[in-house]
Amino acid sequence: MSDIVWHQHSIDQESRAKLKGQSPVLLWFTGLSGSGKSTLAGALERALYDAGFHTYLLDGDNVRHGLCKDLGFSVTDRDENLRRVGEVAKLMVDAGLVVLSAFISPTKEERERVRALFDEGRFIEVHVSTPIEVCEARDPKGLYKKARAGEIKDFTGISAPYETPTAAELTIDTNKGDLASQVSALLDYLAAIQVIDGAKLKAAG
């Protein structure tokens, strides 16, 4: 590794961000299966895109079709899955994008490891805090049913723990209010911390 040196290009993150008219960040949506992470992240991306901002959404299932298709679901493989996602997100933020990710990421250690890849203010943790009884009632993939039947081992929230974030930048329970109001709260936050131009957002709305 001593022979590998990071090459600093003449066009940097600040230049790319200025061209796009936004401040690049990673929004890390964490929560139980069925909490609404992907739905919320997808709706936010649509709102940002419609307002003319440059985004990319990294989804837990999608990355396992390519980037992480060689990984299983052991603790070691799950850690490696998140490590890869974090590194890819870091490159995307360097490209000036507003990156959204939707991963259970059940442990504080995993989430803090990703946060440590980013400069201060470039990582925004969004805890999708929907109660487990609501998530299990939704059970969109039938995973809770399988976990209760013992068909899935180490299932987060049932046979494996989920460490609730204690200092997330935002907390949203998708069982409270509607999707539009939840997305609006996210947009207001991004405008308040100047990730996006609030005037541009209002003009698009």
Protein backbone atom coordinates (compact mmCIF):
# COMPACT_ATOMS: atom_id res chain seq x y z
CA MET A 1 0.00 0.00 0.00
CA SER A 2 2.99 2.34 0.51
CA ASP A 3 3.34 2.65 -3.27
CA ILE A 4 -0.25 3.89 -3.67
CA VAL A 5 -0.67 7.63 -3.41
CA TRP A 6 -3.92 9.62 -3.66
CA HIS A 7 -3.80 11.76 -6.80
CA GLN A 8 -5.15 15.25 -6.22
CA HIS A 9 -6.90 16.41 -9.38
CA SER A 10 -7.08 20.04 -10.45
CA ILE A 11 -10.89 20.02 -10.21
CA ASP A 12 -11.88 19.53 -6.59
CA GLN A 13 -15.09 18.91 -4.64
CA GLU A 14 -15.73 22.61 -4.12
CA SER A 15 -15.48 23.30 -7.86
CA ARG A 16 -17.83 20.46 -8.74
CA ALA A 17 -20.32 21.54 -6.07
CA LYS A 18 -20.25 25.16 -7.25
CA LEU A 19 -21.04 24.04 -10.79
CA LYS A 20 -24.05 22.11 -9.49
CA GLY A 21 -25.24 24.88 -7.17
CA GLN A 22 -25.38 22.73 -4.07
CA SER A 23 -23.30 21.54 -1.13
CA PRO A 24 -22.50 17.81 -1.38
CA VAL A 25 -23.48 15.55 1.52
CA LEU A 26 -24.37 11.97 2.34
CA LEU A 27 -27.76 11.42 3.95
CA TRP A 28 -27.55 8.07 5.72
CA PHE A 29 -31.03 6.62 6.35
CA THR A 30 -30.88 3.96 9.06
CA GLY A 31 -33.72 1.97 10.60
CA LEU A 32 -35.37 -1.41 10.84
CA SER A 33 -36.50 -3.41 7.85
CA GLY A 34 -39.90 -2.06 6.82
CA SER A 35 -39.36 1.28 8.56
CA GLY A 36 -39.72 3.19 5.30
CA LYS A 37 -36.06 4.07 4.67
CA SER A 38 -36.08 3.39 0.93
CA THR A 39 -39.49 4.96 0.39
CA LEU A 40 -38.49 8.12 2.25
CA ALA A 41 -35.09 8.37 0.57
CA GLY A 42 -36.65 7.80 -2.84
CA ALA A 43 -39.29 10.46 -2.31
CA LEU A 44 -36.67 12.93 -1.13
CA GLU A 45 -34.51 12.22 -4.15
CA ARG A 46 -37.49 12.80 -6.46
CA ALA A 47 -38.20 16.15 -4.79
CA LEU A 48 -34.55 17.21 -5.06
CA TYR A 49 -34.32 16.09 -8.68
CA ASP A 50 -37.54 17.91 -9.60
CA ALA A 51 -36.07 21.07 -8.07
CA GLY A 52 -32.95 20.75 -10.24
CA PHE A 53 -30.47 19.32 -7.75
CA HIS A 54 -27.94 16.58 -8.55
CA THR A 55 -28.42 13.39 -6.55
CA TYR A 56 -27.84 9.65 -6.37
CA LEU A 57 -29.61 7.05 -4.23
CA LEU A 58 -27.72 4.01 -2.95
CA ASP A 59 -30.20 1.32 -1.90
CA GLY A 60 -29.39 -1.76 0.17
CA ASP A 61 -30.88 -4.27 -2.27
CA ASN A 62 -29.58 -2.56 -5.40
CA VAL A 63 -25.90 -2.58 -4.42
CA ARG A 64 -26.10 -6.33 -3.88
CA HIS A 65 -26.89 -6.77 -7.57
CA GLY A 66 -23.43 -5.57 -8.56
CA LEU A 67 -21.00 -3.85 -6.21
CA CYS A 68 -21.65 -6.30 -3.37
CA LYS A 69 -23.08 -9.34 -5.14
CA ASP A 70 -20.21 -11.49 -3.89
CA LEU A 71 -21.20 -10.88 -0.25
CA GLY A 72 -23.51 -12.89 1.95
CA PHE A 73 -25.23 -11.87 5.18
CA SER A 74 -22.72 -12.91 7.82
CA VAL A 75 -21.59 -10.20 10.24
CA THR A 76 -18.29 -9.93 8.36
CA ASP A 77 -19.99 -9.65 4.98
CA ARG A 78 -22.49 -7.08 6.23
CA ASP A 79 -19.64 -4.97 7.58
CA GLU A 80 -17.85 -5.21 4.24
CA ASN A 81 -21.07 -4.30 2.42
CA LEU A 82 -21.34 -1.06 4.40
CA ARG A 83 -17.63 -0.34 4.05
CA ARG A 84 -17.92 -0.50 0.26
CA VAL A 85 -21.05 1.63 0.25
CA GLY A 86 -19.35 4.22 2.44
CA GLU A 87 -16.35 4.43 0.12
CA VAL A 88 -18.54 4.74 -2.98
CA ALA A 89 -20.63 7.43 -1.29
CA LYS A 90 -17.44 9.30 -0.40
CA LEU A 91 -16.44 9.39 -4.07
CA MET A 92 -19.92 10.56 -5.05
CA VAL A 93 -19.83 13.34 -2.48
CA ASP A 94 -16.43 14.33 -3.86
CA ALA A 95 -18.15 14.53 -7.25
CA GLY A 96 -20.42 17.21 -5.78
CA LEU A 97 -23.58 15.11 -5.42
CA VAL A 98 -26.22 14.95 -2.73
CA VAL A 99 -26.06 11.23 -1.97
CA LEU A 100 -28.82 9.31 -0.23
CA SER A 101 -28.38 5.82 1.22
CA ALA A 102 -30.89 3.43 2.75
CA PHE A 103 -29.36 0.68 4.89
CA ILE A 104 -30.43 -0.93 8.15
CA SER A 105 -26.85 -0.46 9.46
CA PRO A 106 -27.83 -1.78 12.90
CA THR A 107 -24.76 -0.87 14.95
CA LYS A 108 -23.41 2.47 16.06
CA GLU A 109 -19.91 1.27 15.20
CA GLU A 110 -20.88 0.65 11.56
CA ARG A 111 -22.53 4.03 11.20
CA GLU A 112 -19.68 5.91 12.89
CA ARG A 113 -17.17 4.14 10.67
CA VAL A 114 -18.92 5.57 7.62
CA ARG A 115 -19.28 9.00 9.24
CA ALA A 116 -15.52 9.06 9.85
CA LEU A 117 -14.91 8.95 6.09
CA PHE A 118 -16.44 12.41 5.67
CA ASP A 119 -15.48 15.93 6.61
CA GLU A 120 -17.53 17.66 9.30
CA GLY A 121 -21.03 18.41 8.04
CA ARG A 122 -20.84 16.09 5.03
CA PHE A 123 -22.55 13.15 6.77
CA ILE A 124 -26.17 13.47 7.88
CA GLU A 125 -27.64 10.57 9.83
CA VAL A 126 -31.39 10.18 9.42
CA HIS A 127 -32.87 7.75 11.92
CA VAL A 128 -36.10 6.32 10.52
CA SER A 129 -37.51 5.47 13.93
CA THR A 130 -40.72 3.67 12.94
CA PRO A 131 -41.62 1.24 15.79
CA ILE A 132 -40.91 -2.43 15.19
CA GLU A 133 -44.58 -3.40 15.59
CA VAL A 134 -45.42 -1.11 12.66
CA CYS A 135 -42.52 -2.43 10.59
CA GLU A 136 -43.57 -6.00 11.28
CA ALA A 137 -47.20 -5.25 10.41
CA ARG A 138 -46.04 -3.85 7.07
CA ASP A 139 -43.52 -6.66 6.41
CA PRO A 140 -43.29 -5.76 2.68
CA LYS A 141 -40.86 -8.59 1.88
CA GLY A 142 -42.25 -11.18 4.29
CA LEU A 143 -38.96 -11.15 6.19
CA TYR A 144 -40.39 -10.76 9.70
CA LYS A 145 -42.64 -13.76 9.14
CA LYS A 146 -39.64 -15.84 8.06
CA ALA A 147 -37.57 -14.56 10.97
CA ARG A 148 -40.33 -15.48 13.46
CA ALA A 149 -40.43 -18.95 11.90
CA GLY A 150 -36.69 -19.34 12.34
CA GLU A 151 -36.03 -19.33 8.59
CA ILE A 152 -33.79 -16.24 8.82
CA LYS A 153 -31.08 -16.12 11.44
CA ASP A 154 -29.70 -12.93 12.98
CA PHE A 155 -32.58 -10.81 11.71
CA THR A 156 -32.34 -7.25 13.01
CA GLY A 157 -35.04 -6.44 15.54
CA ILE A 158 -36.03 -10.08 16.08
CA SER A 159 -32.97 -12.27 16.64
CA ALA A 160 -30.30 -9.58 16.33
CA PRO A 161 -30.13 -6.16 17.99
CA TYR A 162 -30.60 -2.72 16.48
CA GLU A 163 -28.64 0.00 18.24
CA THR A 164 -30.81 3.11 18.18
CA PRO A 165 -28.88 6.25 17.14
CA THR A 166 -28.39 8.65 20.03
CA ALA A 167 -27.19 11.68 18.08
CA ALA A 168 -28.79 11.49 14.64
CA GLU A 169 -29.11 14.80 12.84
CA LEU A 170 -32.74 13.97 12.03
CA THR A 171 -35.29 11.47 13.36
CA ILE A 172 -38.41 10.59 11.39
CA ASP A 173 -41.15 8.11 12.30
CA THR A 174 -42.91 7.23 9.04
CA ASN A 175 -45.94 6.15 11.06
CA LYS A 176 -46.55 9.79 11.96
CA GLY A 177 -47.77 12.20 9.31
CA ASP A 178 -47.71 11.56 5.59
CA LEU A 179 -44.83 11.10 3.18
CA ALA A 180 -45.16 14.61 1.76
CA SER A 181 -44.77 16.24 5.19
CA GLN A 182 -41.81 14.00 6.02
CA VAL A 183 -40.06 14.94 2.76
CA SER A 184 -40.85 18.59 3.41
CA ALA A 185 -39.16 18.36 6.82
CA LEU A 186 -36.06 16.90 5.18
CA LEU A 187 -35.99 19.60 2.51
CA ASP A 188 -36.39 22.33 5.12
CA TYR A 189 -33.45 20.90 7.05
CA LEU A 190 -31.23 20.71 3.95
CA ALA A 191 -32.11 24.30 3.08
CA ALA A 192 -31.45 25.46 6.66
CA ILE A 193 -27.92 24.02 6.68
CA GLN A 194 -27.38 25.36 3.13
CA VAL A 195 -26.95 22.03 1.38
CA ILE A 196 -29.48 23.30 -1.13
CA ASP A 197 -30.65 26.78 -2.09
CA GLY A 198 -33.97 27.40 -0.40
CA ALA A 199 -34.96 30.02 -2.97
CA LYS A 200 -34.36 27.56 -5.80
CA LEU A 201 -36.41 24.97 -3.95
CA LYS A 202 -39.34 27.36 -3.48
CA ALA A 203 -39.19 28.43 -7.13
CA ALA A 204 -39.41 24.80 -8.21
CA GLY A 205 -42.32 24.11 -5.83
